[in-house]
N, C-alpha and C. Protein backbone atom coordinates (compact mmCIF):
# COMPACT_ATOMS: atom_id res chain seq x y z
N MET A 1 1.02 26.72 32.74
CA MET A 1 1.47 25.53 31.98
C MET A 1 0.56 25.55 30.74
N LYS A 2 -0.31 25.45 30.89
CA LYS A 2 -1.31 25.34 29.80
C LYS A 2 -1.06 26.27 28.92
N GLU A 3 -0.64 27.49 29.29
CA GLU A 3 -0.03 28.47 27.96
C GLU A 3 1.25 27.91 27.21
N ILE A 4 1.91 27.40 27.95
CA ILE A 4 3.33 27.08 27.70
C ILE A 4 2.99 25.66 26.50
N ARG A 5 1.82 25.07 26.66
CA ARG A 5 1.63 23.91 25.70
C ARG A 5 1.11 24.26 24.85
N ALA A 6 0.22 25.42 24.83
CA ALA A 6 -0.38 25.98 23.63
C ALA A 6 0.18 26.27 22.59
N SER A 7 1.47 27.39 23.26
CA SER A 7 2.49 27.83 22.30
C SER A 7 3.42 26.89 21.65
N LEU A 8 3.23 25.71 22.17
CA LEU A 8 4.17 24.48 21.58
C LEU A 8 3.81 23.93 20.69
N SER A 9 4.26 23.82 19.53
CA SER A 9 3.90 22.70 17.91
C SER A 9 3.82 21.48 18.30
N LYS A 10 3.39 20.39 18.23
CA LYS A 10 3.51 19.03 18.35
C LYS A 10 4.93 19.01 17.86
N LYS A 11 5.77 19.14 16.64
CA LYS A 11 7.16 19.13 16.60
C LYS A 11 8.25 19.61 17.58
N ASP A 12 7.86 20.71 18.38
CA ASP A 12 8.13 21.25 19.40
C ASP A 12 8.16 20.09 20.61
N ILE A 13 7.20 19.78 20.65
CA ILE A 13 6.87 18.83 21.98
C ILE A 13 7.88 17.82 21.72
N SER A 14 7.42 17.19 20.95
CA SER A 14 8.44 15.55 20.15
C SER A 14 9.66 16.28 21.16
N VAL A 15 10.12 17.28 20.14
CA VAL A 15 12.26 17.37 20.30
C VAL A 15 12.10 17.78 21.98
N LEU A 16 11.21 18.27 22.70
CA LEU A 16 11.19 18.62 24.24
C LEU A 16 11.32 16.89 24.69
N THR A 17 10.38 16.19 24.29
CA THR A 17 10.46 14.94 24.80
C THR A 17 11.26 14.14 24.52
N SER A 18 11.99 14.08 23.86
CA SER A 18 13.47 13.50 23.08
C SER A 18 14.71 14.05 23.90
N ILE A 19 14.58 15.41 24.37
CA ILE A 19 15.52 15.76 25.37
C ILE A 19 15.47 15.54 26.53
N ILE A 20 14.07 14.88 27.03
CA ILE A 20 14.03 15.11 28.45
C ILE A 20 14.30 13.45 28.52
N ILE A 21 14.19 12.66 27.40
CA ILE A 21 14.65 11.00 27.46
C ILE A 21 15.87 11.08 27.70
N CYS A 22 16.86 11.51 27.03
CA CYS A 22 18.44 12.03 26.59
C CYS A 22 18.56 12.02 28.05
N ILE A 23 17.85 12.96 28.43
CA ILE A 23 18.81 13.51 30.19
C ILE A 23 18.57 12.44 30.89
N LEU A 24 17.12 11.79 30.90
CA LEU A 24 17.04 10.58 31.97
C LEU A 24 18.05 9.43 31.72
N LEU A 25 18.38 9.47 30.52
CA LEU A 25 19.18 8.26 29.98
C LEU A 25 20.81 8.44 30.59
N SER A 26 20.66 9.28 30.31
CA SER A 26 22.27 10.02 30.84
C SER A 26 22.77 9.64 32.14
N ILE A 27 21.52 10.24 32.93
CA ILE A 27 21.35 9.89 34.12
C ILE A 27 21.95 8.16 34.67
N PHE A 28 21.10 7.76 34.07
CA PHE A 28 20.89 6.38 34.43
C PHE A 28 22.11 5.65 34.28
N CYS A 29 22.75 6.07 32.77
CA CYS A 29 23.97 5.25 32.38
C CYS A 29 25.36 6.06 33.23
N ILE A 30 25.08 7.25 33.96
CA ILE A 30 26.14 7.67 34.93
C ILE A 30 26.20 6.54 36.01
N SER A 31 24.53 6.96 36.63
CA SER A 31 24.63 5.74 37.69
C SER A 31 25.02 4.51 37.56
N SER A 32 24.53 4.30 36.54
CA SER A 32 25.42 2.40 36.34
C SER A 32 26.92 2.41 36.21
N LEU A 33 27.43 3.28 35.59
CA LEU A 33 29.21 3.17 35.44
C LEU A 33 29.75 3.51 36.90
N GLU A 34 28.94 4.37 37.62
CA GLU A 34 29.53 4.91 38.82
C GLU A 34 29.39 3.39 39.60
N ALA A 35 28.12 2.50 39.59
CA ALA A 35 28.17 1.28 40.22
C ALA A 35 29.17 0.07 39.90
N GLU A 36 29.13 0.13 38.24
CA GLU A 36 30.41 -0.66 37.79
C GLU A 36 31.72 -0.49 38.36
N GLU A 37 32.17 0.80 38.63
CA GLU A 37 32.83 1.39 39.24
C GLU A 37 33.45 0.84 40.49
N ALA A 38 32.09 0.94 41.69
CA ALA A 38 32.36 0.59 42.70
C ALA A 38 32.63 -0.91 43.01
N ASP A 39 31.87 -1.46 41.91
CA ASP A 39 32.14 -3.45 41.87
C ASP A 39 33.63 -3.42 41.86
N SER A 40 34.42 -2.62 41.20
CA SER A 40 35.89 -3.03 40.68
C SER A 40 36.63 -2.58 41.95
N LEU A 41 36.28 -1.75 43.33
CA LEU A 41 37.12 -1.60 44.26
C LEU A 41 37.08 -2.34 45.28
N SER A 42 37.94 -2.03 46.41
CA SER A 42 37.50 -2.48 47.28
C SER A 42 38.55 -2.40 48.14
N ILE A 43 37.98 -2.16 49.30
CA ILE A 43 38.65 -1.59 50.61
C ILE A 43 39.75 -2.77 50.92
N ASP A 44 40.90 -2.44 51.68
CA ASP A 44 41.83 -3.31 52.24
C ASP A 44 41.06 -4.60 53.30
N ASP A 45 41.38 -5.66 52.78
CA ASP A 45 40.19 -6.81 53.87
C ASP A 45 40.99 -6.69 54.94
N THR A 46 41.99 -6.57 54.96
CA THR A 46 42.51 -6.59 56.74
C THR A 46 41.86 -5.76 57.82
N MET A 47 41.50 -4.33 56.86
CA MET A 47 40.53 -3.66 57.74
C MET A 47 39.08 -4.69 58.39
N MET A 48 38.87 -5.30 57.88
CA MET A 48 37.94 -6.21 57.38
C MET A 48 37.92 -7.15 58.62
N SER A 49 38.86 -7.87 58.37
CA SER A 49 39.20 -9.13 58.99
C SER A 49 39.91 -9.07 60.35
N GLU A 50 40.54 -8.14 60.68
CA GLU A 50 41.44 -8.06 61.35
C GLU A 50 40.72 -8.10 63.01
N PRO A 51 39.43 -7.72 63.31
CA PRO A 51 38.57 -7.57 64.68
C PRO A 51 38.38 -9.01 64.44
N GLN A 52 38.56 -9.82 63.75
CA GLN A 52 38.10 -11.33 63.97
C GLN A 52 39.34 -12.17 64.69
N LYS A 53 40.48 -11.46 64.23
CA LYS A 53 41.29 -12.20 64.58
C LYS A 53 42.08 -12.10 66.20
N THR A 54 42.52 -12.97 66.75
CA THR A 54 43.24 -12.76 67.73
C THR A 54 45.08 -12.97 67.46
N GLU A 55 45.47 -12.92 68.73
CA GLU A 55 46.85 -12.71 68.85
C GLU A 55 47.49 -14.33 68.39
N PRO A 56 48.89 -14.27 67.44
CA PRO A 56 48.81 -15.90 67.35
C PRO A 56 49.60 -16.07 68.61
N TYR A 57 49.55 -17.80 69.08
CA TYR A 57 49.92 -18.03 70.23
C TYR A 57 50.75 -19.70 69.82
N ILE A 58 51.74 -19.53 70.91
CA ILE A 58 52.92 -20.79 70.87
C ILE A 58 52.32 -21.86 71.17
N LYS A 59 51.67 -23.25 70.61
CA LYS A 59 51.20 -24.29 70.96
C LYS A 59 51.75 -24.98 71.48
N GLU A 60 52.93 -25.31 71.00
CA GLU A 60 53.99 -26.16 71.62
C GLU A 60 55.46 -25.55 71.12
N ARG A 61 56.45 -26.20 71.77
CA ARG A 61 57.68 -25.61 71.52
C ARG A 61 58.65 -27.30 71.34
N PHE A 62 59.41 -27.22 70.32
CA PHE A 62 60.62 -28.65 70.78
C PHE A 62 61.43 -28.40 69.39
N GLU A 63 62.80 -28.05 70.89
CA GLU A 63 64.32 -27.46 70.17
C GLU A 63 63.51 -26.66 69.46
N ASN A 64 64.54 -26.06 68.32
CA ASN A 64 64.81 -25.41 67.28
C ASN A 64 63.03 -24.81 66.89
N TRP A 65 62.01 -25.37 66.83
CA TRP A 65 60.73 -25.28 66.01
C TRP A 65 59.74 -25.30 67.26
N THR A 66 58.76 -23.83 66.71
CA THR A 66 57.43 -24.02 67.51
C THR A 66 56.24 -24.48 66.94
N HIS A 67 55.49 -24.55 67.28
CA HIS A 67 54.10 -25.01 67.01
C HIS A 67 53.17 -23.70 66.86
N LYS A 68 53.12 -22.80 65.89
CA LYS A 68 52.54 -21.51 66.35
C LYS A 68 51.11 -21.72 65.56
N CYS A 69 49.93 -20.68 66.25
CA CYS A 69 48.69 -21.01 65.61
C CYS A 69 48.45 -19.77 65.71
N ILE A 70 47.01 -19.51 65.21
CA ILE A 70 46.10 -18.60 65.23
C ILE A 70 44.76 -18.91 65.17
N LYS A 71 43.62 -18.26 66.06
CA LYS A 71 42.16 -18.92 66.08
C LYS A 71 41.41 -17.96 65.47
N LEU A 72 40.68 -18.21 64.54
CA LEU A 72 39.85 -17.26 63.41
C LEU A 72 38.75 -17.06 64.56
N VAL A 73 37.90 -16.01 64.26
CA VAL A 73 36.27 -16.32 64.84
C VAL A 73 35.57 -17.18 63.65
N ASN A 74 35.03 -17.91 64.13
CA ASN A 74 34.10 -18.93 63.31
C ASN A 74 34.88 -19.62 62.10
N SER A 75 36.01 -19.74 62.73
CA SER A 75 36.67 -20.67 61.80
C SER A 75 37.80 -21.69 62.52
N ILE A 76 38.38 -22.79 61.59
CA ILE A 76 39.18 -23.48 61.93
C ILE A 76 40.80 -22.65 62.40
N GLU A 77 41.29 -23.56 63.47
CA GLU A 77 42.65 -23.06 63.86
C GLU A 77 43.81 -23.18 62.88
N ARG A 78 44.00 -21.92 62.60
CA ARG A 78 45.10 -22.40 61.27
C ARG A 78 47.00 -22.33 62.06
N CYS A 79 47.81 -23.20 61.81
CA CYS A 79 48.81 -23.74 62.64
C CYS A 79 50.00 -23.64 61.69
N GLU A 80 51.17 -23.23 62.10
CA GLU A 80 52.73 -23.58 61.15
C GLU A 80 53.67 -24.00 62.06
N ALA A 81 54.73 -24.57 61.25
CA ALA A 81 55.67 -24.69 61.99
C ALA A 81 56.49 -23.67 61.68
N ASN A 82 57.64 -23.34 62.83
CA ASN A 82 57.72 -22.04 62.84
C ASN A 82 59.44 -21.72 63.46
N GLN A 83 60.11 -21.21 63.20
CA GLN A 83 61.73 -21.05 63.62
C GLN A 83 61.98 -19.59 63.05
N ILE A 84 62.45 -18.99 64.24
CA ILE A 84 62.96 -17.63 64.46
C ILE A 84 64.29 -18.03 64.45
N ILE A 85 65.62 -17.31 63.29
CA ILE A 85 66.43 -17.93 62.99
C ILE A 85 67.56 -16.22 63.93
N PHE A 86 68.50 -17.15 64.80
CA PHE A 86 69.11 -15.93 65.25
C PHE A 86 71.17 -16.20 64.82
N ASN A 87 71.18 -14.66 64.98
CA ASN A 87 72.80 -14.87 64.72
C ASN A 87 73.52 -15.17 65.61
N GLN A 88 74.76 -15.08 65.92
CA GLN A 88 75.87 -15.20 67.38
C GLN A 88 75.59 -14.05 67.88
N LYS A 89 75.13 -13.13 67.77
CA LYS A 89 74.97 -11.69 68.73
C LYS A 89 73.57 -12.03 69.14
N GLN A 90 72.74 -13.41 68.53
CA GLN A 90 71.20 -13.65 69.56
C GLN A 90 70.34 -12.59 68.80
N GLN A 91 70.72 -11.43 67.77
CA GLN A 91 69.90 -11.18 67.19
C GLN A 91 69.08 -11.80 65.65
N PRO A 92 67.72 -11.80 65.84
CA PRO A 92 66.81 -12.13 64.84
C PRO A 92 67.57 -11.81 62.87
N VAL A 93 67.74 -12.85 62.74
CA VAL A 93 67.99 -12.72 61.09
C VAL A 93 67.22 -12.85 59.93
N ALA A 94 66.50 -14.21 60.57
CA ALA A 94 65.59 -14.43 59.44
C ALA A 94 64.30 -15.40 60.44
N GLU A 95 63.17 -15.62 59.51
CA GLU A 95 62.54 -16.39 60.15
C GLU A 95 61.81 -17.19 59.00
N ILE A 96 61.50 -18.64 59.20
CA ILE A 96 60.59 -19.06 58.19
C ILE A 96 59.42 -19.95 58.87
N SER A 97 58.53 -20.14 58.01
CA SER A 97 56.99 -20.55 58.78
C SER A 97 56.58 -21.58 57.65
N ILE A 98 56.29 -22.74 57.85
CA ILE A 98 55.69 -23.82 56.85
C ILE A 98 54.62 -24.71 57.40
N ILE A 99 53.65 -24.76 56.50
CA ILE A 99 52.35 -25.00 56.43
C ILE A 99 51.83 -26.45 55.91
N LYS A 100 51.37 -27.80 55.96
CA LYS A 100 50.78 -28.56 55.25
C LYS A 100 49.69 -27.89 54.41
N LEU A 101 50.03 -28.20 53.22
CA LEU A 101 49.20 -28.08 51.57
C LEU A 101 48.02 -29.66 51.71
N PRO A 102 46.65 -28.85 51.08
CA PRO A 102 46.02 -30.42 50.93
C PRO A 102 46.56 -31.36 50.01
N ARG A 103 46.42 -32.63 50.09
CA ARG A 103 46.68 -33.85 49.70
C ARG A 103 46.30 -33.62 47.85
N GLY A 104 47.12 -34.32 47.26
CA GLY A 104 46.99 -34.02 45.68
C GLY A 104 47.48 -32.93 45.08
N GLN A 105 47.69 -31.77 45.73
CA GLN A 105 48.98 -30.98 45.04
C GLN A 105 50.20 -31.23 44.69
N VAL A 106 50.64 -30.06 43.82
CA VAL A 106 52.44 -30.62 43.42
C VAL A 106 53.12 -30.19 44.79
N ALA A 107 52.63 -29.46 45.77
CA ALA A 107 53.53 -29.07 46.76
C ALA A 107 53.10 -29.65 47.98
N ALA A 108 54.00 -30.36 48.45
CA ALA A 108 53.47 -30.85 49.75
C ALA A 108 53.16 -29.88 51.09
N ALA A 109 54.09 -28.63 51.09
CA ALA A 109 54.21 -27.56 51.63
C ALA A 109 54.44 -26.46 51.12
N ALA A 110 53.73 -25.38 52.11
CA ALA A 110 54.58 -24.13 51.53
C ALA A 110 55.23 -23.45 52.75
N ALA A 111 55.94 -22.44 52.51
CA ALA A 111 56.81 -21.79 53.19
C ALA A 111 57.37 -20.33 52.84
N THR A 112 56.99 -19.60 54.17
CA THR A 112 57.52 -18.04 53.88
C THR A 112 58.96 -18.10 54.52
N ILE A 113 59.41 -17.43 53.48
CA ILE A 113 60.89 -17.08 54.45
C ILE A 113 61.05 -15.32 53.82
N ILE A 114 61.59 -15.23 55.73
CA ILE A 114 61.62 -13.64 55.57
C ILE A 114 62.83 -13.02 56.23
N VAL A 115 63.37 -12.17 55.52
CA VAL A 115 65.15 -12.26 55.68
C VAL A 115 65.13 -10.48 56.18
N PRO A 116 66.39 -9.95 56.36
CA PRO A 116 66.09 -8.47 56.79
C PRO A 116 66.11 -7.59 55.32
N LEU A 117 65.60 -6.29 55.36
CA LEU A 117 65.37 -5.47 54.61
C LEU A 117 66.90 -4.91 54.16
N GLU A 118 67.02 -4.60 53.03
CA GLU A 118 68.57 -3.97 52.03
C GLU A 118 68.94 -5.45 51.46
N THR A 119 68.04 -6.39 51.74
CA THR A 119 68.92 -7.86 50.82
C THR A 119 68.73 -7.22 49.42
N ILE A 120 69.25 -7.67 48.48
CA ILE A 120 69.46 -7.59 46.87
C ILE A 120 68.29 -8.23 46.59
N LEU A 121 67.40 -7.84 46.27
CA LEU A 121 66.12 -8.75 45.70
C LEU A 121 66.57 -9.38 44.06
N SER A 122 67.18 -8.42 43.99
CA SER A 122 67.24 -9.33 42.22
C SER A 122 67.90 -10.42 42.33
N GLU A 123 68.90 -10.77 43.21
CA GLU A 123 69.52 -11.83 43.65
C GLU A 123 68.99 -13.09 44.24
N GLY A 124 67.80 -12.72 44.45
CA GLY A 124 66.73 -13.88 45.11
C GLY A 124 67.22 -14.49 46.22
N LEU A 125 66.55 -15.59 46.57
CA LEU A 125 67.39 -16.19 47.94
C LEU A 125 67.23 -17.46 47.72
N VAL A 126 68.44 -18.33 47.85
CA VAL A 126 68.32 -19.89 47.69
C VAL A 126 68.62 -20.49 49.17
N LEU A 127 67.89 -21.81 48.52
CA LEU A 127 67.58 -22.55 50.18
C LEU A 127 68.24 -24.22 49.82
N ALA A 128 68.99 -24.12 50.85
CA ALA A 128 69.71 -25.62 50.72
C ALA A 128 69.52 -26.89 51.74
N ILE A 129 68.93 -27.34 51.20
CA ILE A 129 68.74 -28.79 52.13
C ILE A 129 70.11 -29.65 52.31
N GLN A 130 70.18 -30.00 53.20
CA GLN A 130 71.51 -30.85 53.20
C GLN A 130 71.26 -32.26 52.42
N GLU A 131 72.06 -32.22 51.39
CA GLU A 131 72.15 -33.36 50.39
C GLU A 131 71.52 -33.08 49.24
N LEU A 132 70.54 -32.29 49.23
CA LEU A 132 69.66 -32.03 48.12
C LEU A 132 70.60 -30.73 47.32
N GLU A 133 69.60 -30.81 46.06
CA GLU A 133 70.43 -29.70 45.05
C GLU A 133 69.47 -28.08 45.67
N PRO A 134 70.32 -27.54 45.85
CA PRO A 134 69.97 -25.95 46.40
C PRO A 134 68.89 -25.41 45.35
N LYS A 135 68.17 -24.86 45.69
CA LYS A 135 67.06 -24.32 44.60
C LYS A 135 66.98 -22.46 44.80
N LYS A 136 66.75 -22.00 43.90
CA LYS A 136 67.02 -20.24 44.04
C LYS A 136 65.18 -20.17 44.03
N TYR A 137 64.80 -19.47 44.66
CA TYR A 137 63.63 -18.59 44.76
C TYR A 137 63.44 -17.02 44.60
N GLN A 138 62.33 -16.68 44.23
CA GLN A 138 62.21 -15.27 44.16
C GLN A 138 61.48 -14.57 45.02
N PHE A 139 61.88 -13.18 45.39
CA PHE A 139 61.26 -12.23 46.57
C PHE A 139 59.90 -12.07 45.90
N LYS A 140 58.78 -12.09 47.12
CA LYS A 140 57.52 -11.77 46.57
C LYS A 140 57.53 -9.97 46.89
N PHE A 141 57.73 -9.93 48.32
CA PHE A 141 57.34 -8.38 48.57
C PHE A 141 58.17 -7.68 49.83
N CYS A 142 58.25 -6.65 50.34
CA CYS A 142 58.81 -6.76 51.76
C CYS A 142 58.14 -5.12 52.40
N ASN A 143 58.01 -5.53 53.16
CA ASN A 143 57.44 -4.38 54.68
C ASN A 143 58.11 -4.13 55.44
N SER A 144 57.60 -3.31 56.62
CA SER A 144 58.75 -3.07 57.70
C SER A 144 59.15 -4.17 58.14
N LEU A 145 58.57 -5.54 58.25
CA LEU A 145 59.28 -6.47 58.94
C LEU A 145 60.67 -6.97 58.21
N GLY A 146 60.51 -6.60 57.13
CA GLY A 146 61.72 -7.71 55.98
C GLY A 146 61.26 -8.02 54.66
N CYS A 147 62.22 -8.98 54.27
CA CYS A 147 61.64 -9.09 52.56
C CYS A 147 60.78 -10.43 52.48
N TYR A 148 59.79 -10.84 51.79
CA TYR A 148 59.34 -12.45 51.86
C TYR A 148 59.13 -12.90 50.75
N SER A 149 60.04 -14.25 50.74
CA SER A 149 59.78 -15.17 49.92
C SER A 149 58.90 -16.21 50.05
N GLN A 150 58.07 -16.65 49.33
CA GLN A 150 56.81 -18.02 49.44
C GLN A 150 57.24 -18.76 48.72
N ILE A 151 57.63 -19.89 48.60
CA ILE A 151 57.83 -21.17 48.05
C ILE A 151 57.27 -22.43 48.53
N GLY A 152 56.96 -23.01 47.38
CA GLY A 152 56.42 -24.65 47.90
C GLY A 152 57.30 -25.42 48.02
N LEU A 153 57.24 -26.78 48.72
CA LEU A 153 58.23 -28.07 49.07
C LEU A 153 57.59 -29.01 48.46
N THR A 154 58.58 -29.98 47.49
CA THR A 154 57.97 -31.43 47.07
C THR A 154 57.82 -32.21 48.50
N ASP A 155 57.37 -33.43 48.20
CA ASP A 155 57.59 -34.34 49.07
C ASP A 155 58.78 -34.71 49.60
N ASP A 156 59.93 -34.58 48.59
CA ASP A 156 61.16 -35.22 48.74
C ASP A 156 62.02 -34.30 49.90
N GLU A 157 61.51 -32.77 49.71
CA GLU A 157 62.03 -31.55 50.06
C GLU A 157 61.62 -31.28 51.82
N VAL A 158 60.61 -32.01 52.14
CA VAL A 158 59.75 -31.97 53.66
C VAL A 158 60.35 -33.27 53.88
N GLU A 159 60.47 -34.60 53.26
CA GLU A 159 61.75 -35.74 54.30
C GLU A 159 62.76 -35.48 54.34
N ALA A 160 63.39 -34.53 53.51
CA ALA A 160 64.82 -34.44 53.99
C ALA A 160 64.95 -33.20 55.08
N LEU A 161 63.78 -32.33 54.84
CA LEU A 161 63.85 -31.61 56.46
C LEU A 161 63.51 -32.53 57.82
N LYS A 162 62.60 -33.50 57.48
CA LYS A 162 62.89 -34.30 58.74
C LYS A 162 63.79 -35.37 58.96
N ARG A 163 64.78 -35.48 57.87
CA ARG A 163 66.05 -36.59 58.16
C ARG A 163 67.12 -35.63 58.69
N LYS A 164 67.49 -34.47 58.00
CA LYS A 164 68.42 -34.01 58.21
C LYS A 164 68.67 -33.40 59.34
N GLU A 165 69.96 -32.61 59.38
CA GLU A 165 69.92 -32.06 60.75
C GLU A 165 70.06 -30.34 60.27
N LYS A 166 70.30 -29.75 59.11
CA LYS A 166 70.25 -28.53 58.79
C LYS A 166 70.21 -28.21 57.20
N ALA A 167 69.92 -27.18 57.34
CA ALA A 167 69.40 -26.30 55.51
C ALA A 167 70.36 -25.23 55.76
N SER A 168 70.59 -24.59 54.86
CA SER A 168 70.81 -23.09 54.68
C SER A 168 70.37 -22.27 53.72
N ILE A 169 69.86 -20.97 54.45
CA ILE A 169 69.63 -19.56 53.23
C ILE A 169 70.78 -19.26 53.03
N PHE A 170 70.99 -18.62 51.50
CA PHE A 170 72.07 -17.82 50.96
C PHE A 170 71.21 -16.81 50.28
N LEU A 171 71.89 -15.21 50.59
CA LEU A 171 71.02 -14.44 49.90
C LEU A 171 72.43 -13.45 49.68
N LYS A 172 72.28 -12.05 48.98
CA LYS A 172 73.21 -10.94 49.43
C LYS A 172 72.54 -9.77 50.08
N HIS A 173 73.26 -9.35 50.97
CA HIS A 173 73.01 -7.95 51.46
C HIS A 173 73.74 -7.08 50.82
N ILE A 174 73.28 -5.63 50.90
CA ILE A 174 73.78 -4.50 50.47
C ILE A 174 74.75 -4.13 51.17
N SER A 175 75.24 -4.53 52.59
CA SER A 175 76.21 -4.72 53.41
C SER A 175 77.44 -5.33 53.07
N SER A 176 77.08 -6.41 52.32
CA SER A 176 78.07 -7.58 51.97
C SER A 176 78.62 -7.29 50.67
N GLY A 177 78.03 -6.57 49.90
CA GLY A 177 79.15 -6.61 48.30
C GLY A 177 78.43 -7.34 47.87
N ASP A 178 79.48 -8.08 47.00
CA ASP A 178 79.20 -9.56 45.89
C ASP A 178 79.17 -10.48 47.02
N GLN A 179 79.83 -10.68 47.97
CA GLN A 179 79.84 -11.69 49.07
C GLN A 179 78.37 -12.23 49.07
N GLN A 180 78.07 -13.76 49.53
CA GLN A 180 76.85 -14.25 49.66
C GLN A 180 76.85 -14.17 51.30
N ILE A 181 76.16 -14.14 51.70
CA ILE A 181 75.50 -14.69 53.45
C ILE A 181 74.79 -15.89 53.47
N VAL A 182 75.41 -16.61 54.40
CA VAL A 182 74.67 -17.74 54.72
C VAL A 182 73.99 -17.69 56.24
N ILE A 183 73.01 -17.88 56.01
CA ILE A 183 72.12 -18.12 57.19
C ILE A 183 71.19 -19.97 57.50
N PRO A 184 72.72 -20.20 58.47
CA PRO A 184 72.02 -21.51 58.80
C PRO A 184 71.18 -21.79 59.41
N MET A 185 70.32 -22.78 59.61
CA MET A 185 68.63 -23.06 59.74
C MET A 185 68.79 -24.64 60.51
N SER A 186 68.63 -24.38 62.03
CA SER A 186 68.73 -26.07 62.44
C SER A 186 67.38 -26.73 62.01
N LEU A 187 67.30 -27.87 61.71
CA LEU A 187 66.09 -28.67 61.66
C LEU A 187 65.76 -29.27 62.84
N ASN A 188 66.72 -29.42 63.80
CA ASN A 188 65.82 -30.33 65.26
C ASN A 188 65.06 -29.81 65.91
N GLY A 189 63.81 -30.53 65.64
CA GLY A 189 62.36 -30.25 66.22
C GLY A 189 61.54 -30.14 65.10
N PHE A 190 61.96 -30.39 63.92
CA PHE A 190 61.21 -30.08 62.85
C PHE A 190 60.18 -31.18 62.66
N THR A 191 60.77 -32.28 62.57
CA THR A 191 59.94 -33.52 62.69
C THR A 191 58.68 -33.87 63.09
N LYS A 192 58.94 -33.16 64.64
CA LYS A 192 57.97 -33.46 65.52
C LYS A 192 56.78 -32.67 65.29
N ILE A 193 57.37 -30.85 65.56
CA ILE A 193 56.49 -29.90 64.94
C ILE A 193 55.74 -30.33 63.96
N PHE A 194 55.91 -30.27 62.61
CA PHE A 194 55.32 -30.65 61.49
C PHE A 194 54.72 -32.10 61.54
N SER A 195 54.69 -32.78 62.00
CA SER A 195 53.93 -33.96 62.14
C SER A 195 52.59 -33.45 62.73
N ASN A 196 52.80 -33.06 63.44
CA ASN A 196 51.55 -32.46 65.01
C ASN A 196 50.80 -31.53 63.74
N LEU A 197 51.05 -30.94 62.74
CA LEU A 197 50.33 -29.63 61.81
C LEU A 197 48.77 -30.79 61.56
N ILE A 198 47.73 -30.06 61.42
CA ILE A 198 46.62 -30.54 60.52
C ILE A 198 46.49 -30.40 59.22
N GLN A 199 46.52 -31.50 58.50
CA GLN A 199 46.85 -30.91 57.21
C GLN A 199 45.18 -30.77 56.48
N PRO A 200 45.13 -29.45 56.06
CA PRO A 200 43.78 -29.09 55.17
C PRO A 200 42.95 -30.04 54.44
């Protein structure tokens, strides 16, 4: 080692020192880049939260609606007003879940509507509540259960759901061509179930 140092001039040592510093900086930069990239990644959070969940359960039933809840570990119970809508053959064709929202928001409640796969997504979904102007909503996504539309309900719409007897979901399905399919939704029991939901 002494012989190598002796054979190197001061200039060579300076160059060698610069090279070593550059290598160290490069390693540091790569490490920083990898750390930054890792920060921007995330695993599917359902993998983390799934062990904490218990199965949903029905707290109460009233006519066509159920008070459906799920209890998370170390968390408050989450509940919704839920209805599975059946056709004349007693096959489930849609599901609607409604939750209360905190006070002071534009919407008084939020609803998730699930309809069958092969629904024509570009046509959207129309919710018509008795005596109110029908409203059209877009679909958010589809999975193996069906296609989902997530919507906000105003105070007037929630009150109409409480007072009226029926509402309808309109959509177009690949099997129906250009014809709209009407899915009637009973409102019997909604008032009681929704009133029993706890507002966040």
